[in-house]
Amino acid sequence: MPLSNDTDGLRRRALVQALACAPLAAAGLARAQPAPFPSRPVKLLSGATAGSASDVIARAVGEKLQAEFGVPVVIENRAGASGALAVQATLAAPGDGHTILVYTAAHTVVPLISKVGWDPVKDFSAVAPLAVVPNVLVVAPAKGWRSVRDLVEAARARPGALNYASVGIGTATWMSAEKFKAAVGIDALHVPYKGSPEAIAETMAGRVDYFFAPLVSALPQIKAGKLQALALGTPKRSQQLPDVPTLGESGIAGADYLFWIGMLVPSRTPRELVQKIHAATSRALQAPEVRERYAGLGAEPLALAPEQFDALIREEMVANAAIVRAAGIKPE
């Protein structure tokens, strides 16, 4: 009997302890469950200025994501320091999908030319590329060059005499020109400008020999006959300039530069959430209104899964590092 009483007492105490711990266990389980997404407005942080191609694309996609998510999607421009301000703000935010970085191919260039506090591969997860915006190789019609071959022959005939414009070291205009120089084996003087309008004006005036201009910026002057388009710096032709060949079609291999605009989140963001945002973005990109906006910019969609986009970024880091080294640029 005493043994039986002791056993019953132990059981009662164990039951009391279990009941006392149950609320704590339930609370711990509740904390372990991920918060629903989205549970508040989603912010798209753009490193570009308002009205730029990157900003316009972010807003076009953001409008459709708002319908997908059922919460407000806010575009916030954090321009400056080649997008670094937007990058830093994204990394400082919780990795819960409510803060998404809209960045460009500069993501794989800026860390190679500037001493930054993040790693594009380790600190970020790619969600979805939104678009590719072509650069087009343009010259003044008065130069008399009607093909890429004409330009290359002129550059080889006078080594170091020709010059080219860009909107700064590390930008897509500069990267395109550097890849082109390496691919065709020419030497030319780099002349940086504050923005595309200034570079285009100097090219039209003939003071700059050539410029890999953003298509959206150069298209009006090309159609007006004020600029001669020699080639597209992308793997395929543009619907806006169907008669202008690509560099590859012009016999120049290895000179394409893919200027993408895409969405990224901090790498601590759960993978299932990355996939969810990717799926919603893919649906948004199919909207006729988005495609119409793209056509006006000369932009093209680029369909990649998050894993494929991550792989593209890793490959670009290696390829761009070689370009930066060849140009003699060191991080500052």
Protein backbone atom coordinates (compact mmCIF):
# COMPACT_ATOMS: atom_id res chain seq x y z
CA MET A 1 0.00 0.00 0.00
CA PRO A 2 2.67 2.61 0.84
CA LEU A 3 4.35 1.89 -2.49
CA SER A 4 1.03 2.34 -4.27
CA ASN A 5 0.38 5.66 -2.50
CA ASP A 6 3.84 6.94 -3.43
CA THR A 7 3.27 5.96 -7.04
CA ASP A 8 -0.06 7.76 -7.13
CA GLY A 9 1.55 10.83 -5.60
CA LEU A 10 4.28 10.87 -8.21
CA ARG A 11 1.71 10.61 -10.96
CA ARG A 12 -0.33 13.49 -9.53
CA ARG A 13 2.74 15.70 -9.25
CA ALA A 14 3.80 14.84 -12.79
CA LEU A 15 0.32 15.71 -14.07
CA VAL A 16 0.33 19.03 -12.22
CA GLN A 17 3.75 19.89 -13.67
CA ALA A 18 2.65 18.94 -17.17
CA LEU A 19 -0.45 21.12 -16.91
CA ALA A 20 1.62 24.01 -15.58
CA CYS A 21 4.12 23.73 -18.44
CA ALA A 22 1.50 23.35 -21.17
CA PRO A 23 0.87 27.11 -21.65
CA LEU A 24 4.63 27.72 -21.85
CA ALA A 25 5.05 24.97 -24.41
CA ALA A 26 2.15 26.34 -26.44
CA ALA A 27 3.66 29.81 -26.33
CA GLY A 28 7.00 28.45 -27.47
CA LEU A 29 5.32 26.61 -30.35
CA ALA A 30 3.52 29.80 -31.34
CA ARG A 31 6.80 31.68 -31.41
CA ALA A 32 8.37 28.99 -33.57
CA GLN A 33 5.71 29.35 -36.27
CA PRO A 34 6.67 31.80 -39.03
CA ALA A 35 4.54 34.93 -39.24
CA PRO A 36 2.06 34.95 -42.12
CA PHE A 37 3.16 36.72 -45.28
CA PRO A 38 2.26 39.35 -46.06
CA SER A 39 1.03 40.69 -42.74
CA ARG A 40 1.72 44.38 -43.46
CA PRO A 41 2.65 46.59 -46.45
CA VAL A 42 5.51 45.33 -48.61
CA LYS A 43 8.30 47.77 -49.42
CA LEU A 44 10.31 47.68 -52.65
CA LEU A 45 13.57 49.53 -52.03
CA SER A 46 15.01 50.91 -55.26
CA GLY A 47 18.57 52.18 -55.55
CA ALA A 48 17.63 54.23 -58.62
CA THR A 49 16.24 57.71 -59.03
CA ALA A 50 12.56 58.28 -59.74
CA GLY A 51 11.79 58.06 -63.46
CA SER A 52 14.77 55.85 -64.34
CA ALA A 53 14.19 52.57 -66.16
CA SER A 54 14.76 50.62 -62.96
CA ASP A 55 12.26 52.79 -61.07
CA VAL A 56 9.61 52.59 -63.80
CA ILE A 57 9.90 48.81 -63.93
CA ALA A 58 9.72 48.53 -60.14
CA ARG A 59 6.51 50.58 -60.12
CA ALA A 60 4.94 48.61 -62.96
CA VAL A 61 5.58 45.30 -61.20
CA GLY A 62 4.73 46.75 -57.78
CA GLU A 63 1.22 47.65 -58.94
CA LYS A 64 0.55 44.03 -59.87
CA LEU A 65 2.20 42.64 -56.74
CA GLN A 66 -0.18 44.74 -54.69
CA ALA A 67 -3.08 42.82 -56.22
CA GLU A 68 -1.22 39.52 -55.71
CA PHE A 69 -0.40 40.16 -52.05
CA GLY A 70 -3.57 41.97 -51.05
CA VAL A 71 -1.60 44.62 -49.14
CA PRO A 72 -0.07 47.95 -50.22
CA VAL A 73 3.23 47.66 -52.10
CA VAL A 74 5.26 50.82 -51.62
CA ILE A 75 8.17 51.87 -53.86
CA GLU A 76 10.82 53.71 -51.89
CA ASN A 77 13.75 55.29 -53.74
CA ARG A 78 17.07 55.23 -51.89
CA ALA A 79 19.25 56.59 -54.67
CA GLY A 80 22.90 57.33 -54.05
CA ALA A 81 26.28 55.63 -53.74
CA SER A 82 25.54 53.40 -56.76
CA GLY A 83 22.62 51.80 -54.95
CA ALA A 84 24.53 51.19 -51.70
CA LEU A 85 21.97 53.08 -49.61
CA ALA A 86 19.16 50.77 -50.74
CA VAL A 87 21.35 47.71 -50.21
CA GLN A 88 22.22 48.71 -46.64
CA ALA A 89 18.59 49.48 -45.80
CA THR A 90 17.50 46.07 -47.10
CA LEU A 91 20.11 44.23 -45.06
CA ALA A 92 19.05 46.14 -41.94
CA ALA A 93 15.42 45.05 -42.35
CA PRO A 94 13.98 41.76 -41.03
CA GLY A 95 14.34 38.85 -43.42
CA ASP A 96 10.58 38.31 -43.57
CA GLY A 97 9.88 39.29 -47.17
CA HIS A 98 8.33 42.66 -46.36
CA THR A 99 11.42 44.55 -47.57
CA ILE A 100 12.63 43.66 -51.07
CA LEU A 101 15.57 45.20 -52.89
CA VAL A 102 15.11 46.20 -56.53
CA TYR A 103 18.63 46.45 -57.89
CA THR A 104 20.47 46.13 -61.16
CA ALA A 105 23.51 44.30 -62.50
CA ALA A 106 25.50 46.85 -60.49
CA HIS A 107 24.95 44.33 -57.67
CA THR A 108 27.81 42.30 -59.16
CA VAL A 109 30.04 45.27 -59.97
CA VAL A 110 29.92 47.77 -57.09
CA PRO A 111 31.62 45.42 -54.58
CA LEU A 112 34.46 44.96 -57.09
CA ILE A 113 35.23 48.67 -57.37
CA SER A 114 34.24 49.91 -53.91
CA LYS A 115 34.95 48.69 -50.41
CA VAL A 116 31.47 47.77 -49.21
CA GLY A 117 30.29 45.95 -46.12
CA TRP A 118 28.35 43.16 -47.81
CA ASP A 119 28.82 40.15 -50.06
CA PRO A 120 26.43 39.97 -53.05
CA VAL A 121 26.41 36.16 -52.93
CA LYS A 122 26.50 35.37 -49.21
CA ASP A 123 24.30 38.18 -47.94
CA PHE A 124 21.51 38.06 -50.53
CA SER A 125 19.11 35.59 -52.09
CA ALA A 126 17.91 36.30 -55.61
CA VAL A 127 14.13 36.29 -56.01
CA ALA A 128 13.43 37.09 -59.65
CA PRO A 129 14.91 39.06 -62.54
CA LEU A 130 12.39 41.66 -63.66
CA ALA A 131 13.85 42.74 -66.99
CA VAL A 132 16.86 43.15 -69.21
CA VAL A 133 17.43 46.67 -70.54
CA PRO A 134 19.66 46.66 -73.64
CA ASN A 135 22.55 48.99 -74.30
CA VAL A 136 23.01 50.02 -77.91
CA LEU A 137 26.32 50.97 -79.52
CA VAL A 138 25.79 54.40 -81.10
CA VAL A 139 27.92 56.88 -83.05
CA ALA A 140 27.33 60.19 -84.79
CA PRO A 141 26.12 59.68 -88.39
CA ALA A 142 28.80 62.15 -89.52
CA LYS A 143 31.50 59.66 -88.50
CA GLY A 144 30.56 57.59 -91.51
CA TRP A 145 30.62 54.27 -89.63
CA ARG A 146 27.72 52.07 -90.64
CA SER A 147 28.74 48.85 -88.91
CA VAL A 148 30.70 47.59 -85.93
CA ARG A 149 33.42 46.50 -88.34
CA ASP A 150 33.80 50.10 -89.55
CA LEU A 151 34.29 51.31 -85.98
CA VAL A 152 36.77 48.57 -85.12
CA GLU A 153 38.82 49.20 -88.25
CA ALA A 154 38.97 52.92 -87.45
CA ALA A 155 40.10 52.18 -83.89
CA ARG A 156 42.79 49.75 -85.04
CA ALA A 157 44.06 52.19 -87.65
CA ARG A 158 44.69 54.78 -84.93
CA PRO A 159 45.42 53.00 -81.63
CA GLY A 160 44.39 55.09 -78.64
CA ALA A 161 42.98 57.92 -80.76
CA LEU A 162 39.29 57.12 -80.36
CA ASN A 163 37.31 57.77 -77.19
CA TYR A 164 34.11 56.41 -75.70
CA ALA A 165 31.58 57.76 -73.22
CA SER A 166 30.13 56.22 -70.08
CA VAL A 167 28.14 57.43 -67.10
CA GLY A 168 30.82 56.29 -64.69
CA ILE A 169 33.11 53.40 -63.82
CA GLY A 170 31.15 50.31 -62.88
CA THR A 171 27.96 51.33 -64.69
CA ALA A 172 26.43 49.23 -67.46
CA THR A 173 27.62 51.75 -70.05
CA TRP A 174 31.20 51.35 -68.82
CA MET A 175 31.04 47.56 -68.46
CA SER A 176 29.66 47.23 -71.99
CA ALA A 177 32.46 49.35 -73.41
CA GLU A 178 35.16 47.50 -71.48
CA LYS A 179 33.88 44.10 -72.62
CA PHE A 180 33.76 45.40 -76.18
CA LYS A 181 37.34 46.72 -76.04
CA ALA A 182 38.60 43.39 -74.72
CA ALA A 183 36.64 41.36 -77.26
CA VAL A 184 37.87 43.28 -80.33
CA GLY A 185 41.33 44.16 -79.00
CA ILE A 186 41.27 47.93 -79.36
CA ASP A 187 42.50 50.80 -77.21
CA ALA A 188 40.27 53.83 -76.62
CA LEU A 189 40.08 56.69 -74.12
CA HIS A 190 37.36 56.58 -71.47
CA VAL A 191 35.39 59.83 -71.03
CA PRO A 192 32.89 59.65 -68.12
CA TYR A 193 29.82 61.88 -67.92
CA LYS A 194 27.29 62.64 -65.19
CA GLY A 195 24.44 60.96 -67.04
CA SER A 196 23.23 59.49 -70.32
CA PRO A 197 21.77 62.76 -71.68
CA GLU A 198 25.18 64.46 -71.54
CA ALA A 199 26.95 61.45 -73.07
CA ILE A 200 24.39 61.22 -75.85
CA ALA A 201 24.66 64.93 -76.63
CA GLU A 202 28.46 64.70 -76.88
CA THR A 203 28.19 61.61 -79.10
CA MET A 204 25.73 63.33 -81.44
CA ALA A 205 28.11 66.31 -81.63
CA GLY A 206 30.97 63.99 -82.61
CA ARG A 207 33.16 64.92 -79.66
CA VAL A 208 32.70 61.35 -78.40
CA ASP A 209 33.38 58.59 -80.89
CA TYR A 210 31.06 55.92 -79.49
CA PHE A 211 28.78 55.19 -76.56
CA PHE A 212 26.99 52.09 -75.32
CA ALA A 213 23.82 53.99 -74.49
CA PRO A 214 20.77 52.69 -72.64
CA LEU A 215 18.26 51.94 -75.39
CA VAL A 216 15.47 53.84 -73.66
CA SER A 217 17.63 56.99 -73.62
CA ALA A 218 19.00 56.76 -77.16
CA LEU A 219 15.92 55.51 -79.01
CA PRO A 220 14.40 58.93 -79.84
CA GLN A 221 17.68 60.19 -81.31
CA ILE A 222 18.18 56.98 -83.27
CA LYS A 223 14.71 57.21 -84.79
CA ALA A 224 15.28 60.89 -85.56
CA GLY A 225 18.49 60.05 -87.42
CA LYS A 226 20.68 61.97 -84.97
CA LEU A 227 22.48 58.80 -83.85
CA GLN A 228 23.61 55.81 -85.84
CA ALA A 229 22.92 52.49 -84.07
CA LEU A 230 25.59 49.92 -84.90
CA ALA A 231 24.69 46.99 -82.65
CA LEU A 232 22.80 45.83 -79.57
CA GLY A 233 24.92 44.71 -76.61
CA THR A 234 22.52 41.89 -75.74
CA PRO A 235 22.19 38.28 -76.95
CA LYS A 236 19.08 39.03 -79.03
CA ARG A 237 17.69 41.91 -81.08
CA SER A 238 15.28 44.47 -79.70
CA GLN A 239 11.70 44.78 -80.90
CA GLN A 240 12.28 48.53 -80.88
CA LEU A 241 15.17 48.23 -83.37
CA PRO A 242 14.51 45.03 -85.31
CA ASP A 243 16.96 45.92 -88.09
CA VAL A 244 19.92 46.55 -85.77
CA PRO A 245 22.08 43.42 -85.27
CA THR A 246 23.53 42.23 -82.00
CA LEU A 247 27.26 42.27 -81.36
CA GLY A 248 27.26 38.51 -81.79
CA GLU A 249 25.57 38.81 -85.18
CA SER A 250 28.20 41.40 -86.07
CA GLY A 251 30.94 38.81 -85.51
CA ILE A 252 31.96 40.01 -82.02
CA ALA A 253 31.99 37.14 -79.54
CA GLY A 254 32.10 37.57 -75.78
CA ALA A 255 31.08 41.24 -75.73
CA ASP A 256 27.46 40.97 -74.59
CA TYR A 257 26.64 42.64 -71.29
CA LEU A 258 23.42 41.63 -69.59
CA PHE A 259 22.08 44.68 -67.78
CA TRP A 260 19.37 43.16 -65.63
CA ILE A 261 16.99 44.63 -63.10
CA GLY A 262 15.91 42.21 -60.40
CA MET A 263 14.55 41.60 -56.92
CA LEU A 264 16.63 40.33 -54.00
CA VAL A 265 16.12 39.73 -50.28
CA PRO A 266 18.50 39.13 -47.37
CA SER A 267 19.88 35.58 -47.42
CA ARG A 268 18.31 34.84 -44.01
CA THR A 269 14.87 34.99 -45.64
CA PRO A 270 13.24 31.50 -45.55
CA ARG A 271 13.44 29.70 -48.89
CA GLU A 272 9.70 28.97 -48.96
CA LEU A 273 9.09 32.71 -48.71
CA VAL A 274 11.55 33.41 -51.54
CA GLN A 275 9.65 30.92 -53.70
CA LYS A 276 6.31 32.50 -52.78
CA ILE A 277 7.46 36.00 -53.76
CA HIS A 278 9.01 34.62 -56.95
CA ALA A 279 5.73 32.95 -57.96
CA ALA A 280 3.74 36.14 -57.33
CA THR A 281 6.29 38.18 -59.30
CA SER A 282 6.20 35.75 -62.23
CA ARG A 283 2.43 36.15 -62.43
CA ALA A 284 2.75 39.94 -62.23
CA LEU A 285 5.21 39.97 -65.13
CA GLN A 286 2.64 38.29 -67.38
CA ALA A 287 0.19 41.18 -67.05
CA PRO A 288 -0.47 42.99 -70.36
CA GLU A 289 0.01 46.37 -68.68
CA VAL A 290 3.49 45.37 -67.51
CA ARG A 291 4.48 44.07 -70.92
CA GLU A 292 3.25 47.29 -72.52
CA ARG A 293 5.34 49.34 -70.09
CA TYR A 294 8.36 47.17 -70.94
CA ALA A 295 7.88 47.72 -74.66
CA GLY A 296 8.00 51.47 -74.14
CA LEU A 297 11.35 51.11 -72.39
CA GLY A 298 12.82 48.64 -74.84
CA ALA A 299 13.05 46.21 -71.92
CA GLU A 300 12.79 42.45 -72.26
CA PRO A 301 11.62 39.91 -69.65
CA LEU A 302 14.11 37.37 -68.30
CA ALA A 303 12.54 34.22 -66.85
CA LEU A 304 14.79 32.56 -64.27
CA ALA A 305 14.02 30.55 -61.14
CA PRO A 306 15.57 31.90 -57.91
CA GLU A 307 18.28 29.23 -58.03
CA GLN A 308 19.12 30.11 -61.63
CA PHE A 309 19.24 33.81 -60.78
CA ASP A 310 21.59 33.06 -57.88
CA ALA A 311 23.82 31.10 -60.26
CA LEU A 312 23.84 33.99 -62.76
CA ILE A 313 24.99 36.37 -60.02
CA ARG A 314 27.83 34.03 -59.00
CA GLU A 315 28.97 33.71 -62.61
CA GLU A 316 28.84 37.47 -63.13
CA MET A 317 30.95 38.10 -60.05
CA VAL A 318 33.74 36.01 -61.58
CA ALA A 319 33.43 37.45 -65.10
CA ASN A 320 33.15 41.06 -63.93
CA ALA A 321 36.15 40.69 -61.63
CA ALA A 322 38.25 39.84 -64.69
CA ILE A 323 36.97 42.94 -66.52
CA VAL A 324 37.71 45.20 -63.56
CA ARG A 325 41.22 43.76 -63.20
CA ALA A 326 41.92 44.23 -66.91
CA ALA A 327 40.85 47.87 -66.62
CA GLY A 328 43.24 48.37 -63.70
CA ILE A 329 40.47 49.41 -61.31
CA LYS A 330 41.06 48.78 -57.60
CA PRO A 331 38.43 49.03 -54.84
CA GLU A 332 38.39 52.40 -53.10
